[in-house]
């Protein structure tokens, strides 16, 4: 037996004895202590609030009091009247449909913008300093408050705003366009502006991992640019698309501030409903709505994760 083999055997038996004596791999205790701070943060800021929300959703409340109990009345109240109004939509279903509509439109616009920007940065910007410069340019709006970035659209899109003034000056319209502000268009525009970067970064990361020889091989095989895009780039960039979609869908589904301000407090959303219920101190039914929203978002994320194995791809 060589000296190296003997040393390896001795290390193996030492580890085996240490494991048999402690019941765990050597260093396992140290690893647990290293993970403890993050586990504590995860428990305090995620698991504990989630548990409190679920518990409160079963409490009983009246106009004057909130009493700890175990009742399902809050969940039935959320969907009250839905069966009676069939085939029409009750308030809850109409609110969820409105939220899903904005979620889909914002997802689609951010995907188109994010994929285009990521493709340009990954395949048309050759040098790293220029890529970094473009990324810094994209992140400049994030240096300011989300509220400031959102309300900055109001002087642009208002009746006397810059956009309406420009359109009237060039003769496109004689009167201000009312639908530019406090409308579905304004909500989608503001949400796209706020969250497009969450789609750009994951897609760009996936595109930078694509082996350029695959693209060259596709070109040598006679594939057109569109064929290379649809058969090589998009499939290989799918993990980034899925991750970006999860970011955008999760944020938009729970948004209430942007929809409230840019919609002129006239457009319904699940987040806005929860905010209103909290303002009126209706915490149990607000918690029930939050739990249902969490379930809906979880189903959406699960469906997205079934399209690609994120761990294997990344």
Protein backbone atom coordinates (compact mmCIF):
# COMPACT_ATOMS: atom_id res chain seq x y z
CA UNK A 1 0.00 0.00 0.00
CA UNK A 2 1.46 3.40 -0.96
CA UNK A 3 1.92 6.19 1.56
CA UNK A 4 -0.83 8.32 -0.04
CA UNK A 5 -3.29 5.42 0.13
CA UNK A 6 -2.39 4.78 3.77
CA UNK A 7 -2.93 8.47 4.65
CA UNK A 8 -6.30 8.40 2.92
CA UNK A 9 -7.34 5.29 4.82
CA UNK A 10 -6.29 6.82 8.15
CA UNK A 11 -8.30 9.99 7.45
CA UNK A 12 -11.33 7.88 6.52
CA UNK A 13 -11.18 5.86 9.73
CA UNK A 14 -10.67 9.00 11.84
CA UNK A 15 -13.79 10.54 10.31
CA UNK A 16 -15.69 7.31 10.84
CA UNK A 17 -14.70 7.20 14.53
CA UNK A 18 -15.61 10.87 14.99
CA UNK A 19 -19.00 10.29 13.36
CA UNK A 20 -19.71 7.21 15.48
CA UNK A 21 -18.79 9.09 18.65
CA UNK A 22 -20.90 12.20 17.97
CA UNK A 23 -23.60 10.74 15.71
CA UNK A 24 -22.93 13.37 13.02
CA UNK A 25 -20.39 14.34 10.44
CA UNK A 26 -17.38 16.28 11.75
CA UNK A 27 -18.04 19.99 11.35
CA UNK A 28 -21.82 19.56 11.29
CA UNK A 29 -22.19 21.52 14.52
CA UNK A 30 -20.14 24.38 13.12
CA UNK A 31 -22.27 24.43 9.98
CA UNK A 32 -25.43 24.60 12.07
CA UNK A 33 -24.09 27.56 14.04
CA UNK A 34 -23.15 29.32 10.81
CA UNK A 35 -26.68 28.82 9.45
CA UNK A 36 -28.35 29.85 12.71
CA UNK A 37 -28.36 33.66 12.11
CA UNK A 38 -30.01 33.33 8.70
CA UNK A 39 -32.44 30.74 10.05
CA UNK A 40 -33.35 33.14 12.86
CA UNK A 41 -33.97 35.97 10.38
CA UNK A 42 -36.07 33.63 8.23
CA UNK A 43 -38.12 32.59 11.24
CA UNK A 44 -38.66 36.07 12.68
CA UNK A 45 -39.39 37.91 9.43
CA UNK A 46 -41.15 35.20 7.40
CA UNK A 47 -42.41 32.16 9.28
CA UNK A 48 -43.62 34.02 12.36
CA UNK A 49 -45.57 36.73 10.47
CA UNK A 50 -47.02 34.07 8.18
CA UNK A 51 -48.16 32.00 11.16
CA UNK A 52 -49.69 35.08 12.82
CA UNK A 53 -51.53 35.98 9.61
CA UNK A 54 -52.96 32.48 9.28
CA UNK A 55 -54.03 32.41 12.93
CA UNK A 56 -55.68 35.84 12.78
CA UNK A 57 -57.58 34.82 9.62
CA UNK A 58 -59.62 32.43 11.78
CA UNK A 59 -60.46 34.98 14.46
CA UNK A 60 -63.94 36.35 14.91
CA UNK A 61 -64.56 40.07 14.64
CA UNK A 62 -67.48 42.42 14.98
CA UNK A 63 -67.89 46.11 14.46
CA UNK A 64 -66.54 46.75 17.94
CA UNK A 65 -64.19 43.89 18.82
CA UNK A 66 -61.84 41.17 17.63
CA UNK A 67 -61.99 37.88 19.51
CA UNK A 68 -59.52 34.97 19.22
CA UNK A 69 -61.46 31.99 17.93
CA UNK A 70 -61.42 29.26 15.31
CA UNK A 71 -64.09 30.14 12.75
CA UNK A 72 -64.21 29.94 8.96
CA UNK A 73 -66.60 32.85 8.65
CA UNK A 74 -63.91 35.17 7.29
CA UNK A 75 -63.20 32.88 4.35
CA UNK A 76 -66.89 32.45 3.58
CA UNK A 77 -67.37 36.22 3.80
CA UNK A 78 -64.67 36.71 1.18
CA UNK A 79 -66.72 34.72 -1.32
CA UNK A 80 -70.15 35.75 -0.07
CA UNK A 81 -72.64 36.23 -2.89
CA UNK A 82 -70.50 34.51 -5.53
CA UNK A 83 -72.94 31.63 -6.05
CA UNK A 84 -75.96 33.93 -6.13
CA UNK A 85 -74.45 36.14 -8.82
CA UNK A 86 -73.58 33.34 -11.24
CA UNK A 87 -73.06 33.42 -14.20
CA UNK A 88 -71.87 36.91 -13.32
CA UNK A 89 -68.84 37.69 -11.19
CA UNK A 90 -69.05 38.58 -7.54
CA UNK A 91 -66.89 41.35 -6.10
CA UNK A 92 -64.13 38.98 -4.99
CA UNK A 93 -63.84 37.16 -8.31
CA UNK A 94 -64.01 40.44 -10.23
CA UNK A 95 -61.22 41.82 -8.04
CA UNK A 96 -59.04 38.75 -8.60
CA UNK A 97 -59.76 38.92 -12.33
CA UNK A 98 -58.70 42.58 -12.39
CA UNK A 99 -55.50 41.74 -10.50
CA UNK A 100 -54.73 38.84 -12.85
CA UNK A 101 -55.32 41.11 -15.84
CA UNK A 102 -52.76 43.63 -14.63
CA UNK A 103 -50.41 40.81 -13.68
CA UNK A 104 -50.57 39.32 -17.18
CA UNK A 105 -50.19 42.66 -18.98
CA UNK A 106 -47.24 43.75 -16.83
CA UNK A 107 -45.62 40.31 -17.16
CA UNK A 108 -45.97 40.45 -20.94
CA UNK A 109 -44.58 43.97 -21.30
CA UNK A 110 -41.71 43.39 -18.87
CA UNK A 111 -40.88 40.12 -20.64
CA UNK A 112 -40.70 41.81 -24.04
CA UNK A 113 -38.62 44.70 -22.70
CA UNK A 114 -36.48 42.53 -20.46
CA UNK A 115 -35.70 39.97 -23.15
CA UNK A 116 -34.85 42.68 -25.68
CA UNK A 117 -32.56 44.58 -23.31
CA UNK A 118 -30.89 41.39 -22.05
CA UNK A 119 -30.35 40.15 -25.61
CA UNK A 120 -28.77 43.45 -26.60
CA UNK A 121 -26.46 43.47 -23.58
CA UNK A 122 -25.46 39.81 -23.90
CA UNK A 123 -24.91 39.52 -27.65
CA UNK A 124 -24.34 43.02 -29.01
CA UNK A 125 -22.31 44.67 -26.24
CA UNK A 126 -18.93 43.00 -26.45
CA UNK A 127 -16.91 44.60 -23.67
CA UNK A 128 -17.51 44.19 -19.94
CA UNK A 129 -17.07 47.91 -19.05
CA UNK A 130 -19.79 48.89 -21.52
CA UNK A 131 -22.09 46.18 -20.14
CA UNK A 132 -21.51 47.48 -16.61
CA UNK A 133 -22.18 51.04 -17.79
CA UNK A 134 -25.49 50.01 -19.36
CA UNK A 135 -26.48 48.13 -16.21
CA UNK A 136 -25.73 51.17 -14.07
CA UNK A 137 -27.86 53.21 -16.45
CA UNK A 138 -30.73 50.76 -15.95
CA UNK A 139 -30.39 50.87 -12.16
CA UNK A 140 -30.27 54.67 -11.82
CA UNK A 141 -34.06 54.92 -11.31
CA UNK A 142 -33.74 52.48 -8.39
CA UNK A 143 -31.61 55.01 -6.55
CA UNK A 144 -34.77 57.01 -5.85
CA UNK A 145 -37.92 56.15 -3.93
CA UNK A 146 -40.49 53.94 -5.62
CA UNK A 147 -43.13 56.56 -4.82
CA UNK A 148 -41.14 59.30 -6.57
CA UNK A 149 -40.60 57.09 -9.62
CA UNK A 150 -44.30 56.33 -9.75
CA UNK A 151 -45.73 59.82 -9.30
CA UNK A 152 -43.23 61.22 -11.80
CA UNK A 153 -45.61 59.94 -14.48
CA UNK A 154 -48.44 62.21 -13.29
CA UNK A 155 -47.05 65.51 -14.70
CA UNK A 156 -46.24 63.67 -17.92
CA UNK A 157 -49.61 61.99 -18.48
CA UNK A 158 -52.05 64.47 -16.92
CA UNK A 159 -54.58 66.59 -18.83
CA UNK A 160 -52.13 69.48 -18.90
CA UNK A 161 -49.08 67.24 -18.94
CA UNK A 162 -46.18 67.14 -21.35
CA UNK A 163 -47.52 64.22 -23.40
CA UNK A 164 -50.95 65.75 -23.99
CA UNK A 165 -49.38 69.12 -24.72
CA UNK A 166 -47.04 67.59 -27.29
CA UNK A 167 -49.84 65.62 -28.98
CA UNK A 168 -52.01 68.74 -29.22
CA UNK A 169 -49.12 70.82 -30.58
CA UNK A 170 -48.38 68.38 -33.42
CA UNK A 171 -52.07 68.02 -34.28
CA UNK A 172 -52.60 64.41 -33.26
CA UNK A 173 -55.56 65.38 -31.06
CA UNK A 174 -57.55 68.52 -30.34
CA UNK A 175 -58.42 67.68 -26.75
CA UNK A 176 -56.39 66.07 -23.96
CA UNK A 177 -56.47 62.28 -23.86
CA UNK A 178 -58.20 61.27 -20.65
CA UNK A 179 -57.05 57.65 -20.71
CA UNK A 180 -53.37 58.50 -20.31
CA UNK A 181 -53.72 58.97 -16.55
CA UNK A 182 -55.85 57.31 -13.87
CA UNK A 183 -56.55 54.37 -16.13
CA UNK A 184 -55.51 50.79 -16.83
CA UNK A 185 -52.91 52.15 -19.25
CA UNK A 186 -51.31 54.31 -16.56
CA UNK A 187 -51.22 51.40 -14.11
CA UNK A 188 -49.55 49.03 -16.59
CA UNK A 189 -47.08 51.72 -17.68
CA UNK A 190 -46.05 52.55 -14.11
CA UNK A 191 -45.75 48.91 -13.04
CA UNK A 192 -43.70 48.09 -16.14
CA UNK A 193 -41.40 51.01 -15.43
CA UNK A 194 -40.97 49.96 -11.80
CA UNK A 195 -40.32 46.25 -12.29
CA UNK A 196 -38.81 45.77 -15.76
CA UNK A 197 -35.32 45.43 -14.28
CA UNK A 198 -36.47 42.37 -12.31
CA UNK A 199 -36.93 40.68 -15.68
CA UNK A 200 -33.77 42.03 -17.33
CA UNK A 201 -31.24 40.75 -14.80
CA UNK A 202 -32.22 37.02 -14.65
CA UNK A 203 -32.60 36.76 -18.42
CA UNK A 204 -29.25 38.48 -18.97
CA UNK A 205 -27.61 36.10 -16.50
CA UNK A 206 -29.00 33.08 -18.39
CA UNK A 207 -27.94 34.48 -21.75
CA UNK A 208 -24.39 35.09 -20.55
CA UNK A 209 -24.17 31.38 -19.67
CA UNK A 210 -25.04 30.29 -23.21
CA UNK A 211 -22.09 28.71 -25.01
CA UNK A 212 -21.41 30.92 -28.02
CA UNK A 213 -20.24 27.89 -29.99
CA UNK A 214 -23.85 26.67 -30.05
CA UNK A 215 -24.92 29.84 -31.82
CA UNK A 216 -22.04 29.51 -34.27
CA UNK A 217 -22.98 25.88 -34.90
CA UNK A 218 -26.57 26.90 -35.61
CA UNK A 219 -25.37 29.54 -38.07
CA UNK A 220 -23.04 27.04 -39.76
CA UNK A 221 -25.98 24.66 -40.12
CA UNK A 222 -27.86 27.27 -42.11
CA UNK A 223 -30.22 28.45 -39.36
CA UNK A 224 -31.58 31.94 -39.75
CA UNK A 225 -31.44 34.50 -36.98
CA UNK A 226 -35.05 33.82 -36.03
CA UNK A 227 -34.46 30.06 -36.00
CA UNK A 228 -31.39 30.49 -33.81
CA UNK A 229 -33.39 32.70 -31.47
CA UNK A 230 -36.33 30.31 -31.14
CA UNK A 231 -34.38 27.03 -31.16
CA UNK A 232 -31.22 27.92 -29.22
CA UNK A 233 -31.36 31.19 -27.31
CA UNK A 234 -34.91 31.14 -25.93
CA UNK A 235 -34.77 27.51 -24.67
CA UNK A 236 -31.41 28.10 -22.99
CA UNK A 237 -32.61 31.40 -21.51
CA UNK A 238 -35.77 29.80 -20.12
CA UNK A 239 -34.47 29.60 -16.50
CA UNK A 240 -33.90 33.36 -16.50
CA UNK A 241 -37.33 33.95 -18.02
CA UNK A 242 -38.97 31.82 -15.33
CA UNK A 243 -37.07 33.52 -12.49
CA UNK A 244 -37.91 36.97 -13.83
CA UNK A 245 -41.54 35.95 -14.24
CA UNK A 246 -41.66 34.80 -10.62
CA UNK A 247 -40.28 38.15 -9.45
CA UNK A 248 -42.72 40.21 -11.51
CA UNK A 249 -45.82 38.12 -10.84
CA UNK A 250 -45.17 37.95 -7.10
CA UNK A 251 -44.71 41.71 -6.78
CA UNK A 252 -47.57 42.78 -9.04
CA UNK A 253 -50.09 40.39 -7.46
CA UNK A 254 -49.59 42.07 -4.09
CA UNK A 255 -49.21 45.65 -5.29
CA UNK A 256 -51.71 48.18 -4.01
CA UNK A 257 -49.85 51.51 -3.96
CA UNK A 258 -49.22 51.82 -7.70
CA UNK A 259 -52.68 50.61 -8.68
CA UNK A 260 -54.26 52.97 -6.18
CA UNK A 261 -52.37 56.10 -7.23
CA UNK A 262 -52.08 55.55 -10.98
CA UNK A 263 -55.63 54.22 -11.14
CA UNK A 264 -57.05 57.22 -9.33
CA UNK A 265 -58.36 55.04 -6.49
CA UNK A 266 -60.93 53.69 -8.97
CA UNK A 267 -59.38 50.35 -9.97
CA UNK A 268 -59.84 47.28 -7.81
CA UNK A 269 -57.08 44.87 -6.84
CA UNK A 270 -56.62 42.27 -4.14
CA UNK A 271 -53.83 44.26 -2.49
CA UNK A 272 -56.01 47.38 -2.47
CA UNK A 273 -58.85 45.40 -0.89
CA UNK A 274 -56.56 44.16 1.89
CA UNK A 275 -55.26 47.68 2.48
CA UNK A 276 -58.80 49.05 2.79
CA UNK A 277 -59.82 46.31 5.21
CA UNK A 278 -56.78 47.02 7.38
CA UNK A 279 -57.59 50.74 7.39
CA UNK A 280 -61.03 49.88 8.76
CA UNK A 281 -59.40 47.60 11.37
CA UNK A 282 -60.96 44.48 9.85
CA UNK A 283 -57.83 42.46 10.50
CA UNK A 284 -59.31 38.91 10.41
CA UNK A 285 -60.94 39.22 6.99
CA UNK A 286 -57.87 41.09 5.69
CA UNK A 287 -55.73 38.19 6.92
CA UNK A 288 -58.07 35.73 5.18
CA UNK A 289 -57.73 37.68 1.93
CA UNK A 290 -53.95 37.69 2.37
CA UNK A 291 -53.88 33.91 2.86
CA UNK A 292 -55.99 33.37 -0.27
CA UNK A 293 -53.71 35.70 -2.23
CA UNK A 294 -50.67 33.79 -0.96
CA UNK A 295 -52.26 30.51 -2.10
CA UNK A 296 -52.98 31.96 -5.55
CA UNK A 297 -49.40 33.24 -5.93
CA UNK A 298 -48.03 29.90 -4.71
CA UNK A 299 -50.02 28.05 -7.36
CA UNK A 300 -48.73 30.44 -10.04
CA UNK A 301 -45.12 29.98 -8.92
CA UNK A 302 -45.54 26.19 -8.77
CA UNK A 303 -46.87 26.18 -12.34
CA UNK A 304 -43.87 28.22 -13.49
CA UNK A 305 -41.38 25.97 -11.69
CA UNK A 306 -42.82 22.91 -13.43
CA UNK A 307 -41.71 24.36 -16.77
CA UNK A 308 -38.02 24.14 -15.92
CA UNK A 309 -35.80 22.64 -13.23
CA UNK A 310 -34.22 25.80 -11.84
CA UNK A 311 -31.69 23.98 -9.63
CA UNK A 312 -30.47 21.77 -12.46
CA UNK A 313 -30.29 24.60 -14.97
CA UNK A 314 -28.46 27.01 -12.67
